Amino acid sequence: MTVALPLCVGLVTAAAACSDDDASKAQDRDANDSAGEVLESAGARGLAEALRVVLVSDNAFEQHPRSVDVLQENVDDLPGKPKVTGIEDDDGDGMDDDGNLQVYVDDEIACVFVSDTGRVDVTGGGCAGPDATA
């Protein structure tokens, strides 16, 4: 469910703040920065990880993360509206055909792979395989 997106945004925001080597930089961060801006600055990998968290949450609510409707709903809710390719249902069964989605932010690409069993993995770079789309 997209209910998990605010939780995911909070987790990514906290991780972004904690990853700063200089503690004073984290303290000086403008309080008006939105979580969406933090996620967008995280690039393709950050948004792909956010998508992964939401898809795993949907699976907990018994919605298969490879469902085309679930994928499209959660992609549409990503902050910054990044380009995401690979949602395809050529056989009409309601499930994504190969589970490979590519997230693009500027010149960065990340791959989200959703297995038939509902496992969701993220890697930096494009998806491998003959069915991966560009």
N, C-alpha and C. Protein backbone atom coordinates (compact mmCIF):
# COMPACT_ATOMS: atom_id res chain seq x y z
N MET A 1 0.83 -1.17 0.00
CA MET A 1 0.00 0.00 0.00
C MET A 1 0.88 1.24 0.00
N THR A 2 0.36 2.31 -0.53
CA THR A 2 1.12 3.55 -0.55
C THR A 2 1.20 4.17 0.83
N VAL A 3 0.52 3.60 1.81
CA VAL A 3 0.61 4.05 3.19
C VAL A 3 2.05 3.92 3.68
N ALA A 4 2.77 2.97 3.16
CA ALA A 4 4.15 2.74 3.60
C ALA A 4 5.12 3.76 3.03
N LEU A 5 4.73 4.51 2.00
CA LEU A 5 5.65 5.48 1.40
C LEU A 5 6.11 6.53 2.40
N PRO A 6 5.21 7.12 3.23
CA PRO A 6 5.72 8.09 4.21
C PRO A 6 6.73 7.47 5.17
N LEU A 7 6.51 6.22 5.59
CA LEU A 7 7.46 5.55 6.45
C LEU A 7 8.80 5.39 5.75
N CYS A 8 8.74 4.97 4.50
CA CYS A 8 9.95 4.78 3.71
C CYS A 8 10.70 6.10 3.55
N VAL A 9 9.95 7.17 3.26
CA VAL A 9 10.57 8.48 3.10
C VAL A 9 11.28 8.88 4.38
N GLY A 10 10.63 8.60 5.52
CA GLY A 10 11.25 8.93 6.80
C GLY A 10 12.53 8.14 7.04
N LEU A 11 12.51 6.85 6.71
CA LEU A 11 13.70 6.02 6.88
C LEU A 11 14.84 6.48 5.99
N VAL A 12 14.54 6.79 4.74
CA VAL A 12 15.58 7.25 3.82
C VAL A 12 16.11 8.61 4.27
N THR A 13 15.20 9.46 4.76
CA THR A 13 15.62 10.78 5.25
C THR A 13 16.57 10.61 6.43
N ALA A 14 16.21 9.74 7.37
CA ALA A 14 17.07 9.51 8.53
C ALA A 14 18.41 8.93 8.10
N ALA A 15 18.39 8.01 7.16
CA ALA A 15 19.64 7.41 6.68
C ALA A 15 20.51 8.45 6.01
N ALA A 16 19.89 9.35 5.24
CA ALA A 16 20.66 10.39 4.56
C ALA A 16 21.30 11.32 5.59
N ALA A 17 20.57 11.64 6.65
CA ALA A 17 21.12 12.52 7.68
C ALA A 17 22.23 11.82 8.47
N CYS A 18 22.06 10.53 8.74
CA CYS A 18 23.05 9.79 9.52
C CYS A 18 24.31 9.49 8.74
N SER A 19 24.20 9.47 7.42
CA SER A 19 25.36 9.10 6.64
C SER A 19 26.36 10.24 6.48
N ASP A 20 26.00 11.41 6.93
CA ASP A 20 26.88 12.57 6.82
C ASP A 20 28.06 12.40 7.77
N ASP A 21 29.28 12.55 7.27
CA ASP A 21 30.46 12.44 8.12
C ASP A 21 30.58 13.61 9.08
N ASP A 22 30.13 14.74 8.68
CA ASP A 22 30.23 15.93 9.50
C ASP A 22 28.89 16.16 10.20
N ALA A 23 28.84 15.92 11.50
CA ALA A 23 27.59 16.02 12.24
C ALA A 23 27.00 17.42 12.17
N SER A 24 27.85 18.44 12.06
CA SER A 24 27.33 19.80 12.00
C SER A 24 26.55 20.05 10.71
N LYS A 25 26.93 19.37 9.62
CA LYS A 25 26.17 19.51 8.37
C LYS A 25 24.75 19.00 8.55
N ALA A 26 24.61 17.87 9.24
CA ALA A 26 23.28 17.32 9.47
C ALA A 26 22.46 18.26 10.33
N GLN A 27 23.08 18.89 11.32
CA GLN A 27 22.37 19.82 12.20
C GLN A 27 22.02 21.11 11.49
N ASP A 28 22.82 21.51 10.51
CA ASP A 28 22.57 22.74 9.78
C ASP A 28 21.57 22.58 8.65
N ARG A 29 21.14 21.34 8.41
CA ARG A 29 20.18 21.10 7.31
C ARG A 29 18.96 21.96 7.54
N ASP A 30 18.51 22.61 6.50
CA ASP A 30 17.35 23.47 6.58
C ASP A 30 16.13 22.65 7.00
N ALA A 31 15.45 23.08 8.04
CA ALA A 31 14.29 22.35 8.55
C ALA A 31 13.16 22.28 7.54
N ASN A 32 13.19 23.15 6.53
CA ASN A 32 12.14 23.16 5.53
C ASN A 32 12.37 22.17 4.39
N ASP A 33 13.52 21.48 4.39
CA ASP A 33 13.76 20.47 3.34
C ASP A 33 12.71 19.38 3.47
N SER A 34 12.07 19.07 2.37
CA SER A 34 11.05 18.01 2.41
C SER A 34 11.72 16.66 2.24
N ALA A 35 11.04 15.62 2.68
CA ALA A 35 11.56 14.26 2.51
C ALA A 35 11.68 13.93 1.03
N GLY A 36 10.75 14.44 0.23
CA GLY A 36 10.81 14.20 -1.22
C GLY A 36 12.08 14.76 -1.82
N GLU A 37 12.52 15.94 -1.37
CA GLU A 37 13.75 16.53 -1.89
C GLU A 37 14.95 15.67 -1.50
N VAL A 38 14.94 15.14 -0.29
CA VAL A 38 16.04 14.29 0.15
C VAL A 38 16.09 13.03 -0.71
N LEU A 39 14.91 12.42 -0.95
CA LEU A 39 14.87 11.23 -1.78
C LEU A 39 15.33 11.52 -3.20
N GLU A 40 14.87 12.65 -3.76
CA GLU A 40 15.28 12.98 -5.12
C GLU A 40 16.79 13.16 -5.20
N SER A 41 17.39 13.76 -4.16
CA SER A 41 18.84 13.96 -4.19
C SER A 41 19.58 12.64 -4.02
N ALA A 42 18.88 11.62 -3.54
CA ALA A 42 19.51 10.31 -3.38
C ALA A 42 19.71 9.63 -4.72
N GLY A 43 19.08 10.12 -5.75
CA GLY A 43 19.26 9.58 -7.09
C GLY A 43 18.44 8.35 -7.35
N ALA A 44 18.77 7.69 -8.45
CA ALA A 44 18.01 6.53 -8.90
C ALA A 44 18.03 5.41 -7.87
N ARG A 45 19.18 5.15 -7.28
CA ARG A 45 19.28 4.06 -6.30
C ARG A 45 18.40 4.35 -5.09
N GLY A 46 18.39 5.58 -4.61
CA GLY A 46 17.57 5.94 -3.46
C GLY A 46 16.08 5.76 -3.73
N LEU A 47 15.64 6.18 -4.91
CA LEU A 47 14.24 6.01 -5.27
C LEU A 47 13.90 4.54 -5.49
N ALA A 48 14.83 3.79 -6.06
CA ALA A 48 14.61 2.36 -6.24
C ALA A 48 14.48 1.66 -4.88
N GLU A 49 15.30 2.04 -3.92
CA GLU A 49 15.21 1.47 -2.57
C GLU A 49 13.87 1.84 -1.92
N ALA A 50 13.43 3.08 -2.12
CA ALA A 50 12.13 3.49 -1.59
C ALA A 50 11.01 2.65 -2.20
N LEU A 51 11.09 2.41 -3.50
CA LEU A 51 10.11 1.58 -4.18
C LEU A 51 10.14 0.16 -3.63
N ARG A 52 11.34 -0.36 -3.38
CA ARG A 52 11.47 -1.71 -2.81
C ARG A 52 10.76 -1.82 -1.47
N VAL A 53 10.97 -0.85 -0.59
CA VAL A 53 10.35 -0.88 0.73
C VAL A 53 8.83 -0.89 0.62
N VAL A 54 8.29 -0.08 -0.28
CA VAL A 54 6.85 -0.01 -0.44
C VAL A 54 6.31 -1.32 -1.02
N LEU A 55 7.01 -1.89 -1.99
CA LEU A 55 6.56 -3.15 -2.59
C LEU A 55 6.59 -4.29 -1.58
N VAL A 56 7.60 -4.32 -0.73
CA VAL A 56 7.67 -5.34 0.31
C VAL A 56 6.50 -5.15 1.28
N SER A 57 6.18 -3.91 1.60
CA SER A 57 5.05 -3.62 2.47
C SER A 57 3.73 -4.08 1.84
N ASP A 58 3.57 -3.84 0.55
CA ASP A 58 2.37 -4.30 -0.15
C ASP A 58 2.25 -5.81 -0.06
N ASN A 59 3.37 -6.51 -0.15
CA ASN A 59 3.37 -7.96 -0.05
C ASN A 59 2.87 -8.39 1.33
N ALA A 60 3.21 -7.63 2.35
CA ALA A 60 2.74 -7.93 3.71
C ALA A 60 1.22 -7.80 3.80
N PHE A 61 0.62 -6.97 2.94
CA PHE A 61 -0.83 -6.80 2.90
C PHE A 61 -1.46 -7.73 1.87
N GLU A 62 -0.74 -8.78 1.50
CA GLU A 62 -1.20 -9.79 0.57
C GLU A 62 -1.50 -9.25 -0.83
N GLN A 63 -0.80 -8.20 -1.23
CA GLN A 63 -0.83 -7.72 -2.60
C GLN A 63 0.51 -8.09 -3.22
N HIS A 64 0.50 -8.91 -4.24
CA HIS A 64 1.76 -9.36 -4.82
C HIS A 64 2.49 -8.16 -5.43
N PRO A 65 3.76 -7.97 -5.05
CA PRO A 65 4.51 -6.82 -5.54
C PRO A 65 4.77 -6.84 -7.04
N ARG A 66 4.55 -7.97 -7.70
CA ARG A 66 4.77 -8.04 -9.15
C ARG A 66 3.48 -7.75 -9.93
N SER A 67 2.39 -7.50 -9.22
CA SER A 67 1.14 -7.13 -9.86
C SER A 67 1.34 -5.81 -10.61
N VAL A 68 0.89 -5.75 -11.85
CA VAL A 68 1.05 -4.54 -12.66
C VAL A 68 0.37 -3.35 -11.98
N ASP A 69 -0.80 -3.57 -11.40
CA ASP A 69 -1.51 -2.48 -10.72
C ASP A 69 -0.73 -1.97 -9.52
N VAL A 70 -0.18 -2.88 -8.72
CA VAL A 70 0.61 -2.50 -7.55
C VAL A 70 1.87 -1.75 -7.98
N LEU A 71 2.56 -2.27 -8.99
CA LEU A 71 3.77 -1.61 -9.48
C LEU A 71 3.46 -0.20 -9.97
N GLN A 72 2.44 -0.07 -10.82
CA GLN A 72 2.13 1.23 -11.41
C GLN A 72 1.69 2.23 -10.36
N GLU A 73 0.86 1.79 -9.41
CA GLU A 73 0.41 2.69 -8.33
C GLU A 73 1.58 3.23 -7.53
N ASN A 74 2.52 2.35 -7.18
CA ASN A 74 3.65 2.78 -6.37
C ASN A 74 4.66 3.60 -7.17
N VAL A 75 4.85 3.29 -8.43
CA VAL A 75 5.73 4.11 -9.27
C VAL A 75 5.14 5.51 -9.41
N ASP A 76 3.83 5.59 -9.60
CA ASP A 76 3.18 6.90 -9.74
C ASP A 76 3.32 7.75 -8.49
N ASP A 77 3.50 7.12 -7.33
CA ASP A 77 3.62 7.85 -6.07
C ASP A 77 5.05 8.23 -5.70
N LEU A 78 6.03 7.83 -6.50
CA LEU A 78 7.42 8.18 -6.19
C LEU A 78 7.62 9.70 -6.29
N PRO A 79 8.33 10.28 -5.33
CA PRO A 79 8.59 11.72 -5.39
C PRO A 79 9.44 12.08 -6.59
N GLY A 80 9.14 13.19 -7.20
CA GLY A 80 9.91 13.67 -8.34
C GLY A 80 9.49 13.05 -9.66
N LYS A 81 8.57 12.11 -9.63
CA LYS A 81 8.06 11.45 -10.84
C LYS A 81 9.20 11.00 -11.77
N PRO A 82 10.08 10.13 -11.28
CA PRO A 82 11.19 9.67 -12.13
C PRO A 82 10.67 8.79 -13.27
N LYS A 83 11.48 8.67 -14.31
CA LYS A 83 11.15 7.76 -15.40
C LYS A 83 11.39 6.34 -14.89
N VAL A 84 10.39 5.48 -15.02
CA VAL A 84 10.51 4.07 -14.66
C VAL A 84 10.01 3.26 -15.83
N THR A 85 10.84 2.34 -16.31
CA THR A 85 10.46 1.50 -17.45
C THR A 85 10.44 0.04 -17.02
N GLY A 86 9.74 -0.76 -17.80
CA GLY A 86 9.78 -2.19 -17.61
C GLY A 86 8.50 -2.82 -17.11
N ILE A 87 7.47 -2.03 -16.81
CA ILE A 87 6.21 -2.63 -16.38
C ILE A 87 5.48 -3.10 -17.64
N GLU A 88 5.43 -4.41 -17.81
CA GLU A 88 4.84 -4.99 -19.02
C GLU A 88 4.03 -6.23 -18.65
N ASP A 89 2.88 -6.38 -19.31
CA ASP A 89 2.03 -7.54 -19.10
C ASP A 89 1.53 -8.04 -20.46
N ASP A 90 2.44 -8.57 -21.27
CA ASP A 90 2.09 -9.01 -22.61
C ASP A 90 1.14 -10.21 -22.62
N ASP A 91 1.19 -11.04 -21.57
CA ASP A 91 0.31 -12.21 -21.56
C ASP A 91 -1.03 -11.96 -20.89
N GLY A 92 -1.25 -10.74 -20.35
CA GLY A 92 -2.55 -10.36 -19.81
C GLY A 92 -2.95 -11.01 -18.50
N ASP A 93 -1.97 -11.53 -17.74
CA ASP A 93 -2.31 -12.20 -16.48
C ASP A 93 -2.33 -11.25 -15.27
N GLY A 94 -2.06 -9.96 -15.51
CA GLY A 94 -2.06 -8.98 -14.43
C GLY A 94 -0.74 -8.87 -13.68
N MET A 95 0.23 -9.71 -14.04
CA MET A 95 1.53 -9.70 -13.39
C MET A 95 2.59 -9.24 -14.38
N ASP A 96 3.58 -8.49 -13.88
CA ASP A 96 4.67 -8.06 -14.74
C ASP A 96 5.38 -9.29 -15.31
N ASP A 97 5.73 -9.20 -16.58
CA ASP A 97 6.27 -10.38 -17.28
C ASP A 97 7.62 -10.85 -16.75
N ASP A 98 8.56 -9.94 -16.52
CA ASP A 98 9.89 -10.39 -16.11
C ASP A 98 10.35 -9.84 -14.75
N GLY A 99 9.60 -8.92 -14.17
CA GLY A 99 9.95 -8.38 -12.85
C GLY A 99 11.07 -7.36 -12.85
N ASN A 100 11.56 -6.96 -14.02
CA ASN A 100 12.64 -5.97 -14.10
C ASN A 100 12.07 -4.57 -14.34
N LEU A 101 12.39 -3.65 -13.45
CA LEU A 101 12.03 -2.25 -13.62
C LEU A 101 13.31 -1.43 -13.52
N GLN A 102 13.43 -0.44 -14.37
CA GLN A 102 14.59 0.45 -14.31
C GLN A 102 14.11 1.84 -13.91
N VAL A 103 14.80 2.41 -12.92
CA VAL A 103 14.50 3.74 -12.41
C VAL A 103 15.58 4.68 -12.89
N TYR A 104 15.18 5.78 -13.52
CA TYR A 104 16.12 6.76 -14.07
C TYR A 104 15.97 8.09 -13.34
N VAL A 105 17.09 8.63 -12.88
CA VAL A 105 17.15 9.98 -12.33
C VAL A 105 18.39 10.63 -12.93
N ASP A 106 18.15 11.65 -13.72
CA ASP A 106 19.23 12.30 -14.46
C ASP A 106 20.01 11.24 -15.26
N ASP A 107 21.31 11.11 -15.01
CA ASP A 107 22.10 10.13 -15.75
C ASP A 107 22.33 8.84 -14.96
N GLU A 108 21.58 8.65 -13.87
CA GLU A 108 21.71 7.45 -13.04
C GLU A 108 20.60 6.46 -13.35
N ILE A 109 20.92 5.18 -13.23
CA ILE A 109 19.94 4.11 -13.43
C ILE A 109 20.07 3.12 -12.28
N ALA A 110 18.94 2.63 -11.81
CA ALA A 110 18.93 1.55 -10.83
C ALA A 110 17.92 0.51 -11.28
N CYS A 111 18.15 -0.72 -10.90
CA CYS A 111 17.27 -1.83 -11.28
C CYS A 111 16.53 -2.34 -10.05
N VAL A 112 15.22 -2.49 -10.19
CA VAL A 112 14.39 -3.14 -9.17
C VAL A 112 13.94 -4.46 -9.79
N PHE A 113 14.27 -5.56 -9.12
CA PHE A 113 13.82 -6.87 -9.61
C PHE A 113 12.84 -7.46 -8.62
N VAL A 114 11.66 -7.84 -9.12
CA VAL A 114 10.63 -8.48 -8.30
C VAL A 114 10.48 -9.91 -8.80
N SER A 115 10.79 -10.87 -7.92
CA SER A 115 10.72 -12.28 -8.32
C SER A 115 9.28 -12.78 -8.32
N ASP A 116 9.09 -13.96 -8.89
CA ASP A 116 7.77 -14.60 -8.88
C ASP A 116 7.27 -14.85 -7.46
N THR A 117 8.19 -15.04 -6.54
CA THR A 117 7.81 -15.33 -5.16
C THR A 117 7.61 -14.07 -4.32
N GLY A 118 7.86 -12.89 -4.90
CA GLY A 118 7.65 -11.64 -4.19
C GLY A 118 8.88 -11.03 -3.58
N ARG A 119 10.03 -11.65 -3.76
CA ARG A 119 11.28 -11.05 -3.27
C ARG A 119 11.62 -9.85 -4.14
N VAL A 120 12.05 -8.76 -3.50
CA VAL A 120 12.36 -7.52 -4.22
C VAL A 120 13.81 -7.16 -3.94
N ASP A 121 14.61 -7.03 -5.00
CA ASP A 121 16.02 -6.66 -4.90
C ASP A 121 16.29 -5.41 -5.70
N VAL A 122 17.27 -4.64 -5.27
CA VAL A 122 17.68 -3.41 -5.96
C VAL A 122 19.17 -3.47 -6.22
N THR A 123 19.57 -3.10 -7.42
CA THR A 123 20.98 -2.97 -7.75
C THR A 123 21.21 -1.65 -8.47
N GLY A 124 22.43 -1.14 -8.36
CA GLY A 124 22.79 0.04 -9.12
C GLY A 124 23.03 -0.34 -10.57
N GLY A 125 22.72 0.53 -11.49
CA GLY A 125 22.88 0.24 -12.90
C GLY A 125 21.63 -0.37 -13.49
N GLY A 126 21.67 -0.61 -14.78
CA GLY A 126 20.50 -1.15 -15.47
C GLY A 126 20.28 -2.62 -15.17
N CYS A 127 19.09 -3.07 -15.46
CA CYS A 127 18.75 -4.48 -15.28
C CYS A 127 19.45 -5.31 -16.34
N ALA A 128 19.90 -6.47 -15.96
CA ALA A 128 20.55 -7.40 -16.90
C ALA A 128 19.50 -8.33 -17.49
N GLY A 129 19.79 -8.90 -18.62
CA GLY A 129 18.91 -9.90 -19.19
C GLY A 129 18.27 -9.42 -20.48
N PRO A 130 17.81 -10.36 -21.27
CA PRO A 130 17.26 -10.03 -22.57
C PRO A 130 15.93 -9.27 -22.51
N ASP A 131 15.19 -9.40 -21.40
CA ASP A 131 13.91 -8.72 -21.31
C ASP A 131 13.99 -7.35 -20.65
N ALA A 132 15.17 -6.95 -20.18
CA ALA A 132 15.32 -5.63 -19.55
C ALA A 132 15.13 -4.55 -20.59
N THR A 133 14.38 -3.52 -20.22
CA THR A 133 14.08 -2.45 -21.15
C THR A 133 14.93 -1.23 -20.84
N ALA A 134 15.14 -0.43 -21.86
CA ALA A 134 15.92 0.79 -21.67
C ALA A 134 15.06 2.01 -21.87
